[in-house]
């Protein structure tokens, strides 16, 4: 059955993946791809723009979960990357509030003191 035409095969034959004449319909992976892209961008932006990373992590998780239920490719990767982006965004926001903001307040106070004192 290796070199047979379709016309020679009986109509009773059922086609399975791996058969030489098996034709599969293209699978819709839109949600999985959206989840993956949002997860990757969410990780990148969570480092430099925490709020944007947080915003991108949410659609990555939502689309990933819906896509995973529909058994789409890349959905699980999108869920994992979205969760990492969410955690990184929250961690970097906390670091920013605890450490960088007081440092910036000191710098701003010194700048305004220079303007208030006449030379």
C-alpha atoms as a PDB file:
ATOM      1  CA  UNK A   1       0.000   0.000   0.000  1.00  0.00           C
ATOM      2  CA  UNK A   2       3.018   2.230  -0.192  1.00  0.00           C
ATOM      3  CA  UNK A   3       2.651   3.350  -3.797  1.00  0.00           C
ATOM      4  CA  UNK A   4      -1.092   3.224  -4.457  1.00  0.00           C
ATOM      5  CA  UNK A   5      -3.200   5.987  -5.922  1.00  0.00           C
ATOM      6  CA  UNK A   6      -6.254   7.199  -4.101  1.00  0.00           C
ATOM      7  CA  UNK A   7      -8.410   5.753  -6.848  1.00  0.00           C
ATOM      8  CA  UNK A   8      -7.077   2.277  -6.049  1.00  0.00           C
ATOM      9  CA  UNK A   9      -7.913   2.534  -2.339  1.00  0.00           C
ATOM     10  CA  UNK A  10     -11.322   1.386  -1.206  1.00  0.00           C
ATOM     11  CA  UNK A  11     -13.755   3.901   0.207  1.00  0.00           C
ATOM     12  CA  UNK A  12     -14.024   1.840   3.382  1.00  0.00           C
ATOM     13  CA  UNK A  13     -10.472   2.691   4.383  1.00  0.00           C
ATOM     14  CA  UNK A  14     -10.265   5.193   7.207  1.00  0.00           C
ATOM     15  CA  UNK A  15      -7.301   7.548   7.176  1.00  0.00           C
ATOM     16  CA  UNK A  16      -5.187   8.001  10.279  1.00  0.00           C
ATOM     17  CA  UNK A  17      -2.292  10.343  11.003  1.00  0.00           C
ATOM     18  CA  UNK A  18       0.809   8.728   9.581  1.00  0.00           C
ATOM     19  CA  UNK A  19      -0.995   7.195   6.601  1.00  0.00           C
ATOM     20  CA  UNK A  20       0.518   8.349   3.304  1.00  0.00           C
ATOM     21  CA  UNK A  21      -2.748   9.932   2.120  1.00  0.00           C
ATOM     22  CA  UNK A  22      -3.931  11.389   5.402  1.00  0.00           C
ATOM     23  CA  UNK A  23      -4.983  15.007   5.066  1.00  0.00           C
ATOM     24  CA  UNK A  24      -5.500  16.933   8.244  1.00  0.00           C
ATOM     25  CA  UNK A  25      -7.407  20.152   8.410  1.00  0.00           C
ATOM     26  CA  UNK A  26      -5.313  23.084   9.579  1.00  0.00           C
ATOM     27  CA  UNK A  27      -5.703  23.682  13.286  1.00  0.00           C
ATOM     28  CA  UNK A  28      -6.626  27.131  14.526  1.00  0.00           C
ATOM     29  CA  UNK A  29      -3.855  28.200  16.931  1.00  0.00           C
ATOM     30  CA  UNK A  30      -4.784  31.869  17.228  1.00  0.00           C
ATOM     31  CA  UNK A  31      -5.282  31.964  20.992  1.00  0.00           C
ATOM     32  CA  UNK A  32      -2.127  29.970  21.613  1.00  0.00           C
ATOM     33  CA  UNK A  33      -0.045  32.306  19.448  1.00  0.00           C
ATOM     34  CA  UNK A  34      -1.581  35.423  21.039  1.00  0.00           C
ATOM     35  CA  UNK A  35      -0.828  33.976  24.453  1.00  0.00           C
ATOM     36  CA  UNK A  36       2.767  33.181  23.508  1.00  0.00           C
ATOM     37  CA  UNK A  37       3.447  36.631  22.017  1.00  0.00           C
ATOM     38  CA  UNK A  38       1.860  38.457  24.954  1.00  0.00           C
ATOM     39  CA  UNK A  39       3.842  36.299  27.380  1.00  0.00           C
ATOM     40  CA  UNK A  40       7.157  37.039  25.654  1.00  0.00           C
ATOM     41  CA  UNK A  41       6.440  40.775  25.443  1.00  0.00           C
ATOM     42  CA  UNK A  42       5.155  40.725  29.015  1.00  0.00           C
ATOM     43  CA  UNK A  43       8.472  39.367  30.288  1.00  0.00           C
ATOM     44  CA  UNK A  44      10.439  41.939  28.307  1.00  0.00           C
ATOM     45  CA  UNK A  45       8.298  44.852  29.442  1.00  0.00           C
ATOM     46  CA  UNK A  46       8.045  43.664  33.042  1.00  0.00           C
ATOM     47  CA  UNK A  47      11.738  44.472  33.421  1.00  0.00           C
ATOM     48  CA  UNK A  48      11.678  47.984  31.985  1.00  0.00           C
ATOM     49  CA  UNK A  49       7.992  49.072  32.125  1.00  0.00           C
ATOM     50  CA  UNK A  50       6.376  47.178  34.979  1.00  0.00           C
ATOM     51  CA  UNK A  51       2.850  48.351  34.349  1.00  0.00           C
ATOM     52  CA  UNK A  52       2.969  47.392  30.665  1.00  0.00           C
ATOM     53  CA  UNK A  53       4.364  43.971  31.585  1.00  0.00           C
ATOM     54  CA  UNK A  54       1.447  43.491  33.963  1.00  0.00           C
ATOM     55  CA  UNK A  55      -1.045  44.526  31.284  1.00  0.00           C
ATOM     56  CA  UNK A  56       0.450  42.039  28.782  1.00  0.00           C
ATOM     57  CA  UNK A  57       0.611  39.207  31.315  1.00  0.00           C
ATOM     58  CA  UNK A  58      -3.152  39.164  31.804  1.00  0.00           C
ATOM     59  CA  UNK A  59      -4.158  38.479  28.165  1.00  0.00           C
ATOM     60  CA  UNK A  60      -1.337  35.931  27.962  1.00  0.00           C
ATOM     61  CA  UNK A  61      -2.878  34.024  30.861  1.00  0.00           C
ATOM     62  CA  UNK A  62      -6.484  34.403  29.692  1.00  0.00           C
ATOM     63  CA  UNK A  63      -5.838  33.454  26.050  1.00  0.00           C
ATOM     64  CA  UNK A  64      -3.500  30.687  27.162  1.00  0.00           C
ATOM     65  CA  UNK A  65      -6.071  29.091  29.454  1.00  0.00           C
ATOM     66  CA  UNK A  66      -8.826  29.270  26.823  1.00  0.00           C
ATOM     67  CA  UNK A  67      -6.438  27.980  24.134  1.00  0.00           C
ATOM     68  CA  UNK A  68      -5.261  25.162  26.392  1.00  0.00           C
ATOM     69  CA  UNK A  69      -8.854  24.052  26.894  1.00  0.00           C
ATOM     70  CA  UNK A  70      -9.209  23.958  23.099  1.00  0.00           C
ATOM     71  CA  UNK A  71      -5.929  21.979  22.889  1.00  0.00           C
ATOM     72  CA  UNK A  72      -4.119  24.624  20.858  1.00  0.00           C
ATOM     73  CA  UNK A  73      -0.386  24.651  20.349  1.00  0.00           C
ATOM     74  CA  UNK A  74       1.701  27.194  22.254  1.00  0.00           C
ATOM     75  CA  UNK A  75      -1.079  27.773  24.801  1.00  0.00           C
ATOM     76  CA  UNK A  76       0.805  26.091  27.637  1.00  0.00           C
ATOM     77  CA  UNK A  77       3.946  28.066  26.808  1.00  0.00           C
ATOM     78  CA  UNK A  78       1.857  31.250  26.828  1.00  0.00           C
ATOM     79  CA  UNK A  79       0.413  30.387  30.241  1.00  0.00           C
ATOM     80  CA  UNK A  80       3.873  29.773  31.668  1.00  0.00           C
ATOM     81  CA  UNK A  81       5.352  32.953  30.151  1.00  0.00           C
ATOM     82  CA  UNK A  82       2.313  34.982  31.218  1.00  0.00           C
ATOM     83  CA  UNK A  83       2.672  33.756  34.794  1.00  0.00           C
ATOM     84  CA  UNK A  84       6.385  34.590  34.781  1.00  0.00           C
ATOM     85  CA  UNK A  85       5.625  38.062  33.392  1.00  0.00           C
ATOM     86  CA  UNK A  86       2.982  38.605  36.075  1.00  0.00           C
ATOM     87  CA  UNK A  87       5.326  37.602  38.889  1.00  0.00           C
ATOM     88  CA  UNK A  88       8.222  39.657  37.493  1.00  0.00           C
ATOM     89  CA  UNK A  89       6.009  42.727  37.094  1.00  0.00           C
ATOM     90  CA  UNK A  90       4.790  42.510  40.655  1.00  0.00           C
ATOM     91  CA  UNK A  91       8.296  41.889  42.040  1.00  0.00           C
ATOM     92  CA  UNK A  92       9.809  44.797  40.116  1.00  0.00           C
ATOM     93  CA  UNK A  93       6.931  47.080  41.164  1.00  0.00           C
ATOM     94  CA  UNK A  94       7.575  46.228  44.816  1.00  0.00           C
ATOM     95  CA  UNK A  95      11.311  46.803  44.366  1.00  0.00           C
ATOM     96  CA  UNK A  96      10.572  50.121  42.689  1.00  0.00           C
ATOM     97  CA  UNK A  97       8.289  51.292  45.467  1.00  0.00           C
ATOM     98  CA  UNK A  98      10.547  50.162  48.300  1.00  0.00           C
ATOM     99  CA  UNK A  99      13.977  51.120  47.019  1.00  0.00           C
ATOM    100  CA  UNK A 100      13.926  53.422  44.034  1.00  0.00           C
ATOM    101  CA  UNK A 101      11.161  55.830  45.056  1.00  0.00           C
ATOM    102  CA  UNK A 102      12.783  56.895  48.385  1.00  0.00           C
ATOM    103  CA  UNK A 103      16.078  57.342  46.522  1.00  0.00           C
ATOM    104  CA  UNK A 104      14.338  59.541  43.975  1.00  0.00           C
ATOM    105  CA  UNK A 105      12.729  61.571  46.786  1.00  0.00           C
ATOM    106  CA  UNK A 106      16.188  62.328  48.202  1.00  0.00           C
ATOM    107  CA  UNK A 107      17.451  63.433  44.807  1.00  0.00           C
ATOM    108  CA  UNK A 108      14.405  65.647  44.239  1.00  0.00           C
ATOM    109  CA  UNK A 109      14.816  67.216  47.700  1.00  0.00           C
ATOM    110  CA  UNK A 110      18.459  68.049  46.953  1.00  0.00           C
ATOM    111  CA  UNK A 111      17.523  69.554  43.603  1.00  0.00           C
ATOM    112  CA  UNK A 112      14.824  71.749  45.113  1.00  0.00           C
ATOM    113  CA  UNK A 113      17.131  72.827  47.955  1.00  0.00           C
ATOM    114  CA  UNK A 114      19.615  74.090  45.382  1.00  0.00           C
ATOM    115  CA  UNK A 115      16.902  76.203  43.785  1.00  0.00           C
ATOM    116  CA  UNK A 116      15.671  77.617  47.107  1.00  0.00           C
ATOM    117  CA  UNK A 117      19.082  78.721  48.392  1.00  0.00           C
ATOM    118  CA  UNK A 118      20.374  81.956  46.843  1.00  0.00           C
ATOM    119  CA  UNK A 119      23.941  81.778  45.652  1.00  0.00           C
END
